[in-house]
Amino acid sequence: MADVQFDEEDNGPRFTSRRLLGERVKPSMVGFLTKLGIVKNEQQAGYLLMGIIVVCFAITFYLYAGLFGWFAPSADTYVPTEADMML
């Protein structure tokens, strides 16, 4: 059997990217959020960034849905009021 060694200190996923010659570097957004004190560790930074992505997709969907009229009331469901008829 092959000798397999495990790193016991690893507590979860790490956000690292590789630069030239395999040097590991923490992504700049994760470092920026930890430097500002918004998050305490890399895992919280990942959750925050994923939340920002979900919110951006939701806003984009809402804007495009309004652009194509998916949420606009159709003519048969709109009932005008007296104030609308006076205009």
N, C-alpha and C. Protein backbone atom coordinates (compact mmCIF):
# COMPACT_ATOMS: atom_id res chain seq x y z
N MET A 1 0.82 -1.18 0.00
CA MET A 1 0.00 0.00 0.00
C MET A 1 0.87 1.25 0.00
N ALA A 2 0.32 2.31 -0.55
CA ALA A 2 1.05 3.57 -0.62
C ALA A 2 0.89 4.32 0.69
N ASP A 3 1.93 5.04 1.05
CA ASP A 3 1.85 5.87 2.26
C ASP A 3 1.03 7.11 1.96
N VAL A 4 -0.03 7.29 2.72
CA VAL A 4 -0.90 8.44 2.54
C VAL A 4 -0.82 9.28 3.80
N GLN A 5 -0.56 10.56 3.62
CA GLN A 5 -0.48 11.45 4.76
C GLN A 5 -1.57 12.52 4.63
N PHE A 6 -2.22 12.79 5.75
CA PHE A 6 -3.29 13.77 5.77
C PHE A 6 -2.85 14.98 6.58
N ASP A 7 -3.30 16.13 6.17
CA ASP A 7 -3.01 17.36 6.89
C ASP A 7 -4.09 17.54 7.95
N GLU A 8 -3.75 17.36 9.20
CA GLU A 8 -4.70 17.43 10.30
C GLU A 8 -5.15 18.85 10.60
N GLU A 9 -4.40 19.85 10.22
CA GLU A 9 -4.70 21.23 10.54
C GLU A 9 -5.77 21.84 9.64
N ASP A 10 -6.11 21.20 8.56
CA ASP A 10 -7.08 21.74 7.62
C ASP A 10 -8.48 21.65 8.22
N ASN A 11 -9.14 22.78 8.43
CA ASN A 11 -10.46 22.83 9.06
C ASN A 11 -11.59 23.08 8.08
N GLY A 12 -11.35 23.04 6.82
CA GLY A 12 -12.40 23.30 5.85
C GLY A 12 -11.80 23.79 4.55
N PRO A 13 -12.66 24.20 3.65
CA PRO A 13 -12.16 24.68 2.36
C PRO A 13 -11.39 25.98 2.51
N ARG A 14 -10.34 26.10 1.78
CA ARG A 14 -9.52 27.31 1.79
C ARG A 14 -9.62 27.96 0.42
N PHE A 15 -9.65 29.26 0.44
CA PHE A 15 -9.66 30.01 -0.81
C PHE A 15 -8.23 30.38 -1.13
N THR A 16 -7.64 29.64 -2.01
CA THR A 16 -6.28 29.98 -2.43
C THR A 16 -6.22 29.88 -3.94
N SER A 17 -5.44 30.72 -4.50
CA SER A 17 -5.23 30.67 -5.94
C SER A 17 -3.74 30.44 -6.18
N ARG A 18 -3.42 30.00 -7.33
CA ARG A 18 -2.03 29.73 -7.64
C ARG A 18 -1.48 30.82 -8.54
N ARG A 19 -0.30 31.25 -8.21
CA ARG A 19 0.40 32.21 -9.05
C ARG A 19 1.51 31.46 -9.78
N LEU A 20 2.36 32.19 -10.38
CA LEU A 20 3.46 31.63 -11.12
C LEU A 20 4.32 30.75 -10.21
N LEU A 21 4.73 29.61 -10.67
CA LEU A 21 5.57 28.64 -9.96
C LEU A 21 4.87 28.00 -8.78
N GLY A 22 3.53 27.97 -8.76
CA GLY A 22 2.79 27.25 -7.75
C GLY A 22 2.72 27.90 -6.38
N GLU A 23 3.05 29.14 -6.26
CA GLU A 23 2.98 29.83 -4.98
C GLU A 23 1.52 30.11 -4.64
N ARG A 24 1.09 29.73 -3.44
CA ARG A 24 -0.31 29.94 -3.05
C ARG A 24 -0.50 31.34 -2.49
N VAL A 25 -1.55 32.01 -2.97
CA VAL A 25 -1.85 33.37 -2.55
C VAL A 25 -3.34 33.46 -2.24
N LYS A 26 -3.69 34.13 -1.16
CA LYS A 26 -5.09 34.34 -0.81
C LYS A 26 -5.70 35.32 -1.79
N PRO A 27 -6.92 35.05 -2.30
CA PRO A 27 -7.56 35.98 -3.23
C PRO A 27 -7.71 37.37 -2.61
N SER A 28 -7.64 38.36 -3.45
CA SER A 28 -7.63 39.74 -2.97
C SER A 28 -8.94 40.15 -2.31
N MET A 29 -10.09 39.67 -2.79
CA MET A 29 -11.37 40.03 -2.17
C MET A 29 -11.47 39.46 -0.77
N VAL A 30 -10.99 38.25 -0.56
CA VAL A 30 -11.02 37.64 0.78
C VAL A 30 -10.10 38.43 1.71
N GLY A 31 -8.92 38.79 1.23
CA GLY A 31 -8.01 39.59 2.04
C GLY A 31 -8.57 40.96 2.34
N PHE A 32 -9.25 41.56 1.38
CA PHE A 32 -9.83 42.89 1.57
C PHE A 32 -10.92 42.85 2.64
N LEU A 33 -11.79 41.83 2.59
CA LEU A 33 -12.87 41.74 3.57
C LEU A 33 -12.34 41.46 4.97
N THR A 34 -11.31 40.65 5.08
CA THR A 34 -10.74 40.38 6.40
C THR A 34 -9.96 41.58 6.92
N LYS A 35 -9.31 42.31 6.03
CA LYS A 35 -8.55 43.49 6.43
C LYS A 35 -9.46 44.59 6.95
N LEU A 36 -10.64 44.75 6.33
CA LEU A 36 -11.60 45.74 6.78
C LEU A 36 -12.31 45.33 8.06
N GLY A 37 -12.23 44.06 8.41
CA GLY A 37 -12.89 43.58 9.61
C GLY A 37 -14.34 43.21 9.41
N ILE A 38 -14.78 43.12 8.17
CA ILE A 38 -16.16 42.75 7.89
C ILE A 38 -16.38 41.27 8.23
N VAL A 39 -15.40 40.43 7.94
CA VAL A 39 -15.46 39.01 8.27
C VAL A 39 -14.23 38.65 9.08
N LYS A 40 -14.32 37.52 9.79
CA LYS A 40 -13.21 37.12 10.65
C LYS A 40 -12.31 36.06 10.01
N ASN A 41 -12.87 35.25 9.12
CA ASN A 41 -12.05 34.21 8.51
C ASN A 41 -12.46 34.01 7.05
N GLU A 42 -11.77 33.10 6.39
CA GLU A 42 -12.00 32.88 4.96
C GLU A 42 -13.36 32.25 4.69
N GLN A 43 -13.84 31.43 5.61
CA GLN A 43 -15.13 30.79 5.41
C GLN A 43 -16.26 31.83 5.42
N GLN A 44 -16.20 32.76 6.35
CA GLN A 44 -17.20 33.82 6.39
C GLN A 44 -17.13 34.69 5.14
N ALA A 45 -15.93 34.92 4.66
CA ALA A 45 -15.77 35.70 3.43
C ALA A 45 -16.42 34.99 2.25
N GLY A 46 -16.26 33.68 2.20
CA GLY A 46 -16.89 32.91 1.13
C GLY A 46 -18.40 32.98 1.19
N TYR A 47 -18.96 32.87 2.41
CA TYR A 47 -20.41 32.98 2.55
C TYR A 47 -20.90 34.37 2.14
N LEU A 48 -20.19 35.39 2.55
CA LEU A 48 -20.58 36.76 2.21
C LEU A 48 -20.53 36.98 0.69
N LEU A 49 -19.47 36.52 0.06
CA LEU A 49 -19.34 36.71 -1.39
C LEU A 49 -20.41 35.92 -2.15
N MET A 50 -20.73 34.71 -1.68
CA MET A 50 -21.79 33.94 -2.33
C MET A 50 -23.14 34.63 -2.14
N GLY A 51 -23.38 35.22 -0.98
CA GLY A 51 -24.62 35.96 -0.75
C GLY A 51 -24.73 37.16 -1.66
N ILE A 52 -23.62 37.85 -1.87
CA ILE A 52 -23.61 39.00 -2.78
C ILE A 52 -23.94 38.55 -4.20
N ILE A 53 -23.41 37.42 -4.60
CA ILE A 53 -23.68 36.89 -5.94
C ILE A 53 -25.16 36.55 -6.09
N VAL A 54 -25.76 35.92 -5.09
CA VAL A 54 -27.19 35.57 -5.15
C VAL A 54 -28.04 36.82 -5.24
N VAL A 55 -27.72 37.83 -4.45
CA VAL A 55 -28.49 39.09 -4.49
C VAL A 55 -28.35 39.75 -5.86
N CYS A 56 -27.16 39.75 -6.43
CA CYS A 56 -26.95 40.35 -7.76
C CYS A 56 -27.75 39.61 -8.82
N PHE A 57 -27.79 38.28 -8.75
CA PHE A 57 -28.59 37.51 -9.72
C PHE A 57 -30.08 37.82 -9.54
N ALA A 58 -30.55 37.96 -8.30
CA ALA A 58 -31.96 38.25 -8.07
C ALA A 58 -32.32 39.63 -8.62
N ILE A 59 -31.46 40.61 -8.40
CA ILE A 59 -31.72 41.95 -8.93
C ILE A 59 -31.71 41.94 -10.45
N THR A 60 -30.77 41.22 -11.04
CA THR A 60 -30.71 41.11 -12.50
C THR A 60 -31.96 40.46 -13.05
N PHE A 61 -32.41 39.37 -12.41
CA PHE A 61 -33.63 38.70 -12.86
C PHE A 61 -34.83 39.64 -12.78
N TYR A 62 -34.93 40.38 -11.67
CA TYR A 62 -36.05 41.31 -11.50
C TYR A 62 -36.04 42.40 -12.57
N LEU A 63 -34.87 42.94 -12.86
CA LEU A 63 -34.78 44.00 -13.87
C LEU A 63 -35.13 43.48 -15.26
N TYR A 64 -34.61 42.29 -15.60
CA TYR A 64 -34.93 41.74 -16.92
C TYR A 64 -36.39 41.32 -17.01
N ALA A 65 -36.96 40.83 -15.92
CA ALA A 65 -38.37 40.45 -15.94
C ALA A 65 -39.24 41.68 -16.15
N GLY A 66 -38.88 42.80 -15.55
CA GLY A 66 -39.64 44.03 -15.77
C GLY A 66 -39.46 44.55 -17.18
N LEU A 67 -38.27 44.34 -17.73
CA LEU A 67 -38.00 44.80 -19.08
C LEU A 67 -38.84 44.06 -20.10
N PHE A 68 -39.03 42.76 -19.90
CA PHE A 68 -39.80 41.94 -20.82
C PHE A 68 -41.27 41.88 -20.46
N GLY A 69 -41.67 42.53 -19.38
CA GLY A 69 -43.07 42.58 -19.01
C GLY A 69 -43.61 41.32 -18.38
N TRP A 70 -42.79 40.53 -17.72
CA TRP A 70 -43.25 39.28 -17.12
C TRP A 70 -44.11 39.54 -15.89
N PHE A 71 -43.88 40.66 -15.19
CA PHE A 71 -44.62 40.94 -13.98
C PHE A 71 -45.70 42.00 -14.19
N ALA A 72 -45.84 42.49 -15.38
CA ALA A 72 -46.83 43.54 -15.66
C ALA A 72 -48.22 42.91 -15.70
N PRO A 73 -49.23 43.61 -15.21
CA PRO A 73 -50.59 43.06 -15.27
C PRO A 73 -51.07 43.02 -16.71
N SER A 74 -51.77 41.98 -17.05
CA SER A 74 -52.30 41.87 -18.41
C SER A 74 -53.58 42.70 -18.53
N ALA A 75 -54.04 42.90 -19.72
CA ALA A 75 -55.19 43.76 -19.98
C ALA A 75 -56.46 43.18 -19.39
N ASP A 76 -56.62 41.87 -19.34
CA ASP A 76 -57.85 41.27 -18.83
C ASP A 76 -57.91 41.25 -17.30
N THR A 77 -56.80 41.43 -16.61
CA THR A 77 -56.82 41.44 -15.15
C THR A 77 -56.85 42.84 -14.57
N TYR A 78 -56.62 43.85 -15.37
CA TYR A 78 -56.60 45.24 -14.89
C TYR A 78 -58.02 45.79 -14.89
N VAL A 79 -58.45 46.28 -13.73
CA VAL A 79 -59.77 46.89 -13.60
C VAL A 79 -59.55 48.37 -13.27
N PRO A 80 -59.95 49.25 -14.17
CA PRO A 80 -59.72 50.68 -13.92
C PRO A 80 -60.66 51.20 -12.83
N THR A 81 -60.16 52.14 -12.06
CA THR A 81 -60.98 52.79 -11.03
C THR A 81 -61.58 54.06 -11.61
N GLU A 82 -62.42 54.71 -10.80
CA GLU A 82 -63.04 55.96 -11.26
C GLU A 82 -62.01 57.05 -11.49
N ALA A 83 -60.97 57.06 -10.68
CA ALA A 83 -59.93 58.07 -10.84
C ALA A 83 -59.20 57.86 -12.17
N ASP A 84 -59.01 56.61 -12.56
CA ASP A 84 -58.37 56.34 -13.86
C ASP A 84 -59.24 56.78 -15.01
N MET A 85 -60.55 56.65 -14.86
CA MET A 85 -61.45 57.00 -15.96
C MET A 85 -61.60 58.50 -16.12
N MET A 86 -61.37 59.25 -15.04
CA MET A 86 -61.49 60.70 -15.13
C MET A 86 -60.30 61.34 -15.81
N LEU A 87 -59.19 60.66 -15.87
CA LEU A 87 -58.01 61.23 -16.52
C LEU A 87 -58.20 61.16 -17.96
